[in-house]
Amino acid sequence: MKKVIYRRIGAAIALIFSLLTIVEGSQVLFGTVQPDHFVLKPLLIYNVLMGIVGIIAGVVIWINCKRALLLTTIITFLHFIVLFTVEFIFYFRGSVAEHSVVAMIIRVAIWLVVLVLVWRNMPKSDLKSKNENINIDEEISEN
């Protein structure tokens, strides 16, 4: 029962944060809000698209689909890559606002929390079936 509650908390975090990301990013993207800092348009588009993916991930986590861990891992990994890219640009070229760096750090932190909640609260049967598939594949490749 606790695992379901924690998984649903992770799903709620993913859904709420993704919805906020879509709303904030869309406002800037469509010009209804003018931020007081430089906006890197590709980063803004990435964030809105990942907000949509985050909504999908939240639903997948909520219904306890076996793909929840994979999807959450991919999202977190992509955010890490973008964070490192944005930090690189910020420190060496200066063409990225500090706000963008901080926002990416927050995104990575939130998705790390969601990833841990999903990973720690996966049903044991889902994790075992993945290990059994690996063992079967290893036996086939050995022959």
N, C-alpha and C. Protein backbone atom coordinates (compact mmCIF):
# COMPACT_ATOMS: atom_id res chain seq x y z
N MET A 1 0.82 -1.19 0.00
CA MET A 1 0.00 0.00 0.00
C MET A 1 0.87 1.26 0.00
N LYS A 2 1.96 1.25 0.79
CA LYS A 2 2.84 2.42 0.84
C LYS A 2 3.46 2.68 -0.52
N LYS A 3 3.82 1.62 -1.22
CA LYS A 3 4.45 1.79 -2.53
C LYS A 3 3.52 2.52 -3.49
N VAL A 4 2.26 2.19 -3.45
CA VAL A 4 1.29 2.85 -4.33
C VAL A 4 1.21 4.34 -3.98
N ILE A 5 1.17 4.65 -2.71
CA ILE A 5 1.08 6.04 -2.28
C ILE A 5 2.31 6.83 -2.74
N TYR A 6 3.50 6.29 -2.53
CA TYR A 6 4.72 6.99 -2.94
C TYR A 6 4.81 7.13 -4.46
N ARG A 7 4.40 6.10 -5.17
CA ARG A 7 4.40 6.17 -6.62
C ARG A 7 3.42 7.24 -7.10
N ARG A 8 2.27 7.32 -6.47
CA ARG A 8 1.28 8.33 -6.84
C ARG A 8 1.77 9.74 -6.48
N ILE A 9 2.53 9.85 -5.40
CA ILE A 9 3.13 11.14 -5.07
C ILE A 9 4.11 11.54 -6.18
N GLY A 10 4.91 10.59 -6.64
CA GLY A 10 5.83 10.86 -7.74
C GLY A 10 5.09 11.27 -9.00
N ALA A 11 3.98 10.59 -9.27
CA ALA A 11 3.16 10.92 -10.44
C ALA A 11 2.58 12.33 -10.32
N ALA A 12 2.09 12.66 -9.13
CA ALA A 12 1.52 13.99 -8.90
C ALA A 12 2.58 15.08 -9.07
N ILE A 13 3.78 14.83 -8.55
CA ILE A 13 4.87 15.80 -8.71
C ILE A 13 5.17 15.99 -10.20
N ALA A 14 5.28 14.89 -10.93
CA ALA A 14 5.56 14.96 -12.37
C ALA A 14 4.45 15.72 -13.10
N LEU A 15 3.22 15.41 -12.80
CA LEU A 15 2.09 16.06 -13.48
C LEU A 15 2.02 17.56 -13.18
N ILE A 16 2.11 17.91 -11.91
CA ILE A 16 2.00 19.32 -11.52
C ILE A 16 3.16 20.13 -12.08
N PHE A 17 4.38 19.63 -11.90
CA PHE A 17 5.55 20.36 -12.38
C PHE A 17 5.54 20.48 -13.90
N SER A 18 5.14 19.43 -14.59
CA SER A 18 5.08 19.48 -16.06
C SER A 18 4.03 20.47 -16.54
N LEU A 19 2.89 20.49 -15.87
CA LEU A 19 1.85 21.44 -16.24
C LEU A 19 2.32 22.87 -16.03
N LEU A 20 2.98 23.14 -14.92
CA LEU A 20 3.53 24.47 -14.67
C LEU A 20 4.58 24.85 -15.71
N THR A 21 5.39 23.89 -16.11
CA THR A 21 6.41 24.13 -17.13
C THR A 21 5.77 24.50 -18.46
N ILE A 22 4.73 23.78 -18.83
CA ILE A 22 4.03 24.07 -20.09
C ILE A 22 3.41 25.46 -20.05
N VAL A 23 2.74 25.79 -18.96
CA VAL A 23 2.07 27.09 -18.84
C VAL A 23 3.09 28.23 -18.89
N GLU A 24 4.13 28.14 -18.08
CA GLU A 24 5.13 29.21 -18.04
C GLU A 24 5.87 29.33 -19.38
N GLY A 25 6.30 28.20 -19.92
CA GLY A 25 7.03 28.22 -21.19
C GLY A 25 6.19 28.72 -22.34
N SER A 26 4.93 28.31 -22.39
CA SER A 26 4.03 28.74 -23.46
C SER A 26 3.76 30.24 -23.41
N GLN A 27 3.64 30.78 -22.21
CA GLN A 27 3.42 32.22 -22.07
C GLN A 27 4.58 33.01 -22.66
N VAL A 28 5.79 32.56 -22.39
CA VAL A 28 6.96 33.24 -22.94
C VAL A 28 7.08 32.97 -24.43
N LEU A 29 6.84 31.73 -24.83
CA LEU A 29 6.98 31.33 -26.23
C LEU A 29 6.00 32.10 -27.14
N PHE A 30 4.79 32.30 -26.67
CA PHE A 30 3.78 32.99 -27.47
C PHE A 30 3.73 34.49 -27.21
N GLY A 31 4.63 34.99 -26.37
CA GLY A 31 4.76 36.44 -26.18
C GLY A 31 3.78 37.09 -25.23
N THR A 32 3.02 36.32 -24.48
CA THR A 32 2.09 36.94 -23.53
C THR A 32 2.81 37.45 -22.29
N VAL A 33 4.00 36.92 -22.03
CA VAL A 33 4.83 37.37 -20.92
C VAL A 33 6.22 37.67 -21.47
N GLN A 34 6.77 38.81 -21.08
CA GLN A 34 8.12 39.20 -21.49
C GLN A 34 9.05 39.13 -20.27
N PRO A 35 9.91 38.11 -20.20
CA PRO A 35 10.83 38.02 -19.07
C PRO A 35 11.89 39.13 -19.13
N ASP A 36 12.45 39.44 -17.99
CA ASP A 36 13.46 40.50 -17.93
C ASP A 36 14.88 39.96 -18.14
N HIS A 37 14.99 38.77 -18.67
CA HIS A 37 16.29 38.18 -18.95
C HIS A 37 16.30 37.63 -20.37
N PHE A 38 17.49 37.33 -20.86
CA PHE A 38 17.64 36.77 -22.20
C PHE A 38 17.01 35.38 -22.25
N VAL A 39 16.24 35.10 -23.28
CA VAL A 39 15.59 33.80 -23.43
C VAL A 39 16.23 33.06 -24.60
N LEU A 40 16.75 31.89 -24.31
CA LEU A 40 17.30 31.02 -25.34
C LEU A 40 16.14 30.19 -25.90
N LYS A 41 15.70 30.55 -27.10
CA LYS A 41 14.48 29.95 -27.67
C LYS A 41 14.54 28.43 -27.78
N PRO A 42 15.66 27.83 -28.23
CA PRO A 42 15.69 26.36 -28.28
C PRO A 42 15.49 25.72 -26.90
N LEU A 43 16.02 26.34 -25.87
CA LEU A 43 15.83 25.83 -24.51
C LEU A 43 14.37 25.95 -24.10
N LEU A 44 13.74 27.04 -24.46
CA LEU A 44 12.34 27.26 -24.15
C LEU A 44 11.46 26.21 -24.84
N ILE A 45 11.73 25.95 -26.10
CA ILE A 45 10.98 24.94 -26.85
C ILE A 45 11.20 23.55 -26.23
N TYR A 46 12.46 23.25 -25.89
CA TYR A 46 12.77 21.97 -25.23
C TYR A 46 11.95 21.82 -23.95
N ASN A 47 11.91 22.87 -23.14
CA ASN A 47 11.20 22.79 -21.86
C ASN A 47 9.70 22.56 -22.05
N VAL A 48 9.11 23.23 -23.04
CA VAL A 48 7.67 23.03 -23.28
C VAL A 48 7.41 21.61 -23.78
N LEU A 49 8.23 21.14 -24.71
CA LEU A 49 8.06 19.77 -25.21
C LEU A 49 8.26 18.74 -24.10
N MET A 50 9.26 18.97 -23.25
CA MET A 50 9.50 18.04 -22.14
C MET A 50 8.40 18.14 -21.09
N GLY A 51 7.75 19.29 -21.01
CA GLY A 51 6.59 19.41 -20.14
C GLY A 51 5.47 18.48 -20.61
N ILE A 52 5.28 18.43 -21.92
CA ILE A 52 4.27 17.52 -22.50
C ILE A 52 4.66 16.07 -22.24
N VAL A 53 5.93 15.76 -22.44
CA VAL A 53 6.41 14.40 -22.15
C VAL A 53 6.25 14.09 -20.66
N GLY A 54 6.48 15.09 -19.81
CA GLY A 54 6.33 14.92 -18.37
C GLY A 54 4.90 14.60 -17.97
N ILE A 55 3.92 15.20 -18.67
CA ILE A 55 2.51 14.88 -18.42
C ILE A 55 2.26 13.41 -18.75
N ILE A 56 2.78 12.98 -19.89
CA ILE A 56 2.63 11.57 -20.28
C ILE A 56 3.28 10.66 -19.23
N ALA A 57 4.48 11.04 -18.80
CA ALA A 57 5.19 10.25 -17.77
C ALA A 57 4.39 10.19 -16.48
N GLY A 58 3.81 11.31 -16.08
CA GLY A 58 3.01 11.33 -14.86
C GLY A 58 1.84 10.37 -14.93
N VAL A 59 1.18 10.33 -16.08
CA VAL A 59 0.06 9.39 -16.27
C VAL A 59 0.56 7.95 -16.24
N VAL A 60 1.68 7.71 -16.91
CA VAL A 60 2.25 6.35 -16.94
C VAL A 60 2.63 5.90 -15.53
N ILE A 61 3.21 6.81 -14.75
CA ILE A 61 3.57 6.47 -13.36
C ILE A 61 2.30 6.20 -12.56
N TRP A 62 1.28 7.04 -12.72
CA TRP A 62 0.03 6.92 -11.96
C TRP A 62 -0.63 5.56 -12.20
N ILE A 63 -0.68 5.12 -13.47
CA ILE A 63 -1.35 3.85 -13.76
C ILE A 63 -0.43 2.65 -13.55
N ASN A 64 0.81 2.91 -13.15
CA ASN A 64 1.79 1.87 -12.83
C ASN A 64 2.16 1.03 -14.04
N CYS A 65 2.40 1.68 -15.13
CA CYS A 65 2.86 0.98 -16.33
C CYS A 65 4.31 0.54 -16.11
N LYS A 66 4.67 -0.60 -16.66
CA LYS A 66 6.02 -1.12 -16.50
C LYS A 66 7.07 -0.20 -17.11
N ARG A 67 6.67 0.64 -18.04
CA ARG A 67 7.60 1.56 -18.72
C ARG A 67 7.88 2.83 -17.91
N ALA A 68 7.25 2.99 -16.76
CA ALA A 68 7.40 4.22 -15.97
C ALA A 68 8.86 4.47 -15.59
N LEU A 69 9.56 3.44 -15.17
CA LEU A 69 10.95 3.61 -14.76
C LEU A 69 11.82 4.00 -15.95
N LEU A 70 11.62 3.37 -17.09
CA LEU A 70 12.39 3.70 -18.28
C LEU A 70 12.13 5.14 -18.71
N LEU A 71 10.87 5.53 -18.79
CA LEU A 71 10.51 6.87 -19.22
C LEU A 71 11.06 7.93 -18.26
N THR A 72 10.94 7.69 -16.97
CA THR A 72 11.45 8.64 -15.98
C THR A 72 12.97 8.74 -16.05
N THR A 73 13.64 7.63 -16.28
CA THR A 73 15.10 7.64 -16.42
C THR A 73 15.52 8.44 -17.64
N ILE A 74 14.84 8.26 -18.75
CA ILE A 74 15.16 8.99 -19.97
C ILE A 74 14.97 10.49 -19.77
N ILE A 75 13.86 10.88 -19.17
CA ILE A 75 13.59 12.30 -18.93
C ILE A 75 14.68 12.91 -18.04
N THR A 76 15.03 12.22 -16.97
CA THR A 76 16.06 12.72 -16.06
C THR A 76 17.40 12.83 -16.77
N PHE A 77 17.76 11.83 -17.54
CA PHE A 77 19.01 11.83 -18.29
C PHE A 77 19.06 13.00 -19.28
N LEU A 78 17.98 13.21 -20.02
CA LEU A 78 17.93 14.31 -20.98
C LEU A 78 18.07 15.67 -20.28
N HIS A 79 17.42 15.80 -19.12
CA HIS A 79 17.54 17.05 -18.36
C HIS A 79 18.99 17.28 -17.90
N PHE A 80 19.67 16.21 -17.49
CA PHE A 80 21.08 16.33 -17.11
C PHE A 80 21.92 16.82 -18.30
N ILE A 81 21.70 16.24 -19.46
CA ILE A 81 22.46 16.64 -20.65
C ILE A 81 22.22 18.12 -20.97
N VAL A 82 20.96 18.53 -20.93
CA VAL A 82 20.64 19.93 -21.22
C VAL A 82 21.21 20.84 -20.14
N LEU A 83 21.15 20.42 -18.89
CA LEU A 83 21.74 21.22 -17.81
C LEU A 83 23.23 21.44 -18.05
N PHE A 84 23.95 20.39 -18.36
CA PHE A 84 25.39 20.53 -18.61
C PHE A 84 25.66 21.42 -19.81
N THR A 85 24.84 21.29 -20.84
CA THR A 85 24.99 22.14 -22.03
C THR A 85 24.74 23.60 -21.69
N VAL A 86 23.66 23.86 -20.96
CA VAL A 86 23.31 25.23 -20.59
C VAL A 86 24.39 25.83 -19.68
N GLU A 87 24.89 25.05 -18.73
CA GLU A 87 25.96 25.55 -17.86
C GLU A 87 27.23 25.84 -18.66
N PHE A 88 27.56 24.98 -19.60
CA PHE A 88 28.73 25.20 -20.45
C PHE A 88 28.59 26.52 -21.21
N ILE A 89 27.44 26.71 -21.83
CA ILE A 89 27.20 27.94 -22.58
C ILE A 89 27.25 29.15 -21.64
N PHE A 90 26.65 29.03 -20.47
CA PHE A 90 26.62 30.12 -19.50
C PHE A 90 28.02 30.53 -19.07
N TYR A 91 28.86 29.56 -18.73
CA TYR A 91 30.19 29.87 -18.21
C TYR A 91 31.20 30.27 -19.27
N PHE A 92 31.05 29.74 -20.48
CA PHE A 92 32.07 30.01 -21.49
C PHE A 92 31.65 31.01 -22.56
N ARG A 93 30.37 31.20 -22.75
CA ARG A 93 29.92 32.16 -23.76
C ARG A 93 29.08 33.27 -23.17
N GLY A 94 28.43 32.99 -22.06
CA GLY A 94 27.63 34.02 -21.40
C GLY A 94 26.33 34.35 -22.10
N SER A 95 25.92 33.56 -23.09
CA SER A 95 24.69 33.88 -23.84
C SER A 95 23.45 33.18 -23.29
N VAL A 96 23.53 32.71 -22.05
CA VAL A 96 22.39 32.08 -21.39
C VAL A 96 22.17 32.80 -20.07
N ALA A 97 20.93 33.08 -19.75
CA ALA A 97 20.61 33.77 -18.50
C ALA A 97 20.84 32.84 -17.31
N GLU A 98 21.22 33.43 -16.21
CA GLU A 98 21.40 32.66 -14.98
C GLU A 98 20.08 31.99 -14.57
N HIS A 99 18.98 32.66 -14.87
CA HIS A 99 17.65 32.11 -14.59
C HIS A 99 17.47 30.75 -15.27
N SER A 100 17.97 30.62 -16.49
CA SER A 100 17.84 29.36 -17.24
C SER A 100 18.65 28.25 -16.59
N VAL A 101 19.83 28.58 -16.08
CA VAL A 101 20.66 27.58 -15.40
C VAL A 101 19.96 27.10 -14.13
N VAL A 102 19.46 28.05 -13.35
CA VAL A 102 18.77 27.70 -12.11
C VAL A 102 17.52 26.88 -12.40
N ALA A 103 16.79 27.25 -13.44
CA ALA A 103 15.58 26.50 -13.80
C ALA A 103 15.92 25.06 -14.18
N MET A 104 17.01 24.87 -14.91
CA MET A 104 17.40 23.50 -15.28
C MET A 104 17.86 22.71 -14.06
N ILE A 105 18.53 23.36 -13.13
CA ILE A 105 18.93 22.67 -11.89
C ILE A 105 17.69 22.20 -11.14
N ILE A 106 16.67 23.06 -11.09
CA ILE A 106 15.41 22.68 -10.41
C ILE A 106 14.75 21.52 -11.15
N ARG A 107 14.73 21.57 -12.48
CA ARG A 107 14.13 20.48 -13.25
C ARG A 107 14.83 19.15 -12.97
N VAL A 108 16.16 19.18 -12.98
CA VAL A 108 16.92 17.96 -12.72
C VAL A 108 16.61 17.44 -11.31
N ALA A 109 16.59 18.34 -10.33
CA ALA A 109 16.32 17.93 -8.95
C ALA A 109 14.93 17.30 -8.82
N ILE A 110 13.94 17.93 -9.41
CA ILE A 110 12.57 17.40 -9.32
C ILE A 110 12.47 16.04 -9.99
N TRP A 111 13.06 15.91 -11.17
CA TRP A 111 12.97 14.62 -11.87
C TRP A 111 13.81 13.55 -11.20
N LEU A 112 14.87 13.94 -10.49
CA LEU A 112 15.61 12.95 -9.70
C LEU A 112 14.74 12.42 -8.56
N VAL A 113 13.98 13.30 -7.93
CA VAL A 113 13.06 12.87 -6.87
C VAL A 113 12.01 11.92 -7.45
N VAL A 114 11.43 12.29 -8.59
CA VAL A 114 10.43 11.42 -9.22
C VAL A 114 11.05 10.08 -9.59
N LEU A 115 12.26 10.10 -10.15
CA LEU A 115 12.94 8.86 -10.53
C LEU A 115 13.16 7.96 -9.32
N VAL A 116 13.62 8.53 -8.22
CA VAL A 116 13.85 7.73 -7.01
C VAL A 116 12.53 7.16 -6.48
N LEU A 117 11.48 7.97 -6.48
CA LEU A 117 10.18 7.48 -6.02
C LEU A 117 9.68 6.32 -6.89
N VAL A 118 9.84 6.44 -8.19
CA VAL A 118 9.40 5.37 -9.09
C VAL A 118 10.27 4.13 -8.90
N TRP A 119 11.57 4.33 -8.88
CA TRP A 119 12.51 3.20 -8.77
C TRP A 119 12.33 2.45 -7.45
N ARG A 120 12.23 3.19 -6.36
CA ARG A 120 12.12 2.55 -5.03
C ARG A 120 10.77 1.88 -4.81
N ASN A 121 9.77 2.27 -5.59
CA ASN A 121 8.43 1.77 -5.33
C ASN A 121 7.86 0.96 -6.49
N MET A 122 8.76 0.45 -7.34
CA MET A 122 8.32 -0.46 -8.40
C MET A 122 7.94 -1.79 -7.76
N PRO A 123 6.89 -2.41 -8.25
CA PRO A 123 6.57 -3.75 -7.75
C PRO A 123 7.74 -4.70 -8.01
N LYS A 124 8.04 -5.54 -7.04
CA LYS A 124 9.16 -6.47 -7.17
C LYS A 124 9.00 -7.36 -8.41
N SER A 125 7.78 -7.71 -8.76
CA SER A 125 7.56 -8.58 -9.92
C SER A 125 8.03 -7.91 -11.21
N ASP A 126 7.88 -6.57 -11.31
CA ASP A 126 8.34 -5.86 -12.50
C ASP A 126 9.86 -5.90 -12.59
N LEU A 127 10.53 -5.72 -11.47
CA LEU A 127 11.99 -5.74 -11.47
C LEU A 127 12.51 -7.15 -11.74
N LYS A 128 11.85 -8.17 -11.18
CA LYS A 128 12.29 -9.55 -11.40
C LYS A 128 12.12 -9.95 -12.86
N SER A 129 11.00 -9.55 -13.46
CA SER A 129 10.78 -9.94 -14.86
C SER A 129 11.83 -9.34 -15.77
N LYS A 130 12.31 -8.14 -15.45
CA LYS A 130 13.38 -7.54 -16.25
C LYS A 130 14.66 -8.34 -16.10
N ASN A 131 14.98 -8.77 -14.88
CA ASN A 131 16.18 -9.56 -14.65
C ASN A 131 16.08 -10.93 -15.32
N GLU A 132 14.89 -11.53 -15.30
CA GLU A 132 14.71 -12.82 -15.95
C GLU A 132 14.90 -12.68 -17.46
N ASN A 133 14.41 -11.59 -18.04
CA ASN A 133 14.59 -11.36 -19.48
C ASN A 133 16.07 -11.23 -19.81
N ILE A 134 16.80 -10.57 -18.96
CA ILE A 134 18.24 -10.40 -19.19
C ILE A 134 18.92 -11.76 -19.13
N ASN A 135 18.58 -12.58 -18.15
CA ASN A 135 19.19 -13.89 -18.03
C ASN A 135 18.86 -14.77 -19.24
N ILE A 136 17.64 -14.71 -19.72
CA ILE A 136 17.25 -15.48 -20.89
C ILE A 136 18.05 -15.02 -22.10
N ASP A 137 18.18 -13.72 -22.27
CA ASP A 137 18.94 -13.16 -23.39
C ASP A 137 20.41 -13.57 -23.29
N GLU A 138 20.96 -13.57 -22.06
CA GLU A 138 22.36 -13.96 -21.89
C GLU A 138 22.56 -15.44 -22.26
N GLU A 139 21.59 -16.31 -21.86
CA GLU A 139 21.69 -17.73 -22.19
C GLU A 139 21.63 -17.94 -23.69
N ILE A 140 20.78 -17.20 -24.37
CA ILE A 140 20.65 -17.34 -25.81
C ILE A 140 21.94 -16.90 -26.49
N SER A 141 22.52 -15.78 -26.03
CA SER A 141 23.73 -15.28 -26.67
C SER A 141 24.95 -16.18 -26.38
N GLU A 142 24.91 -16.93 -25.28
CA GLU A 142 26.02 -17.82 -24.96
C GLU A 142 26.01 -19.05 -25.88
N ASN A 143 24.83 -19.47 -26.32
CA ASN A 143 24.72 -20.66 -27.19
C ASN A 143 25.07 -20.30 -28.56
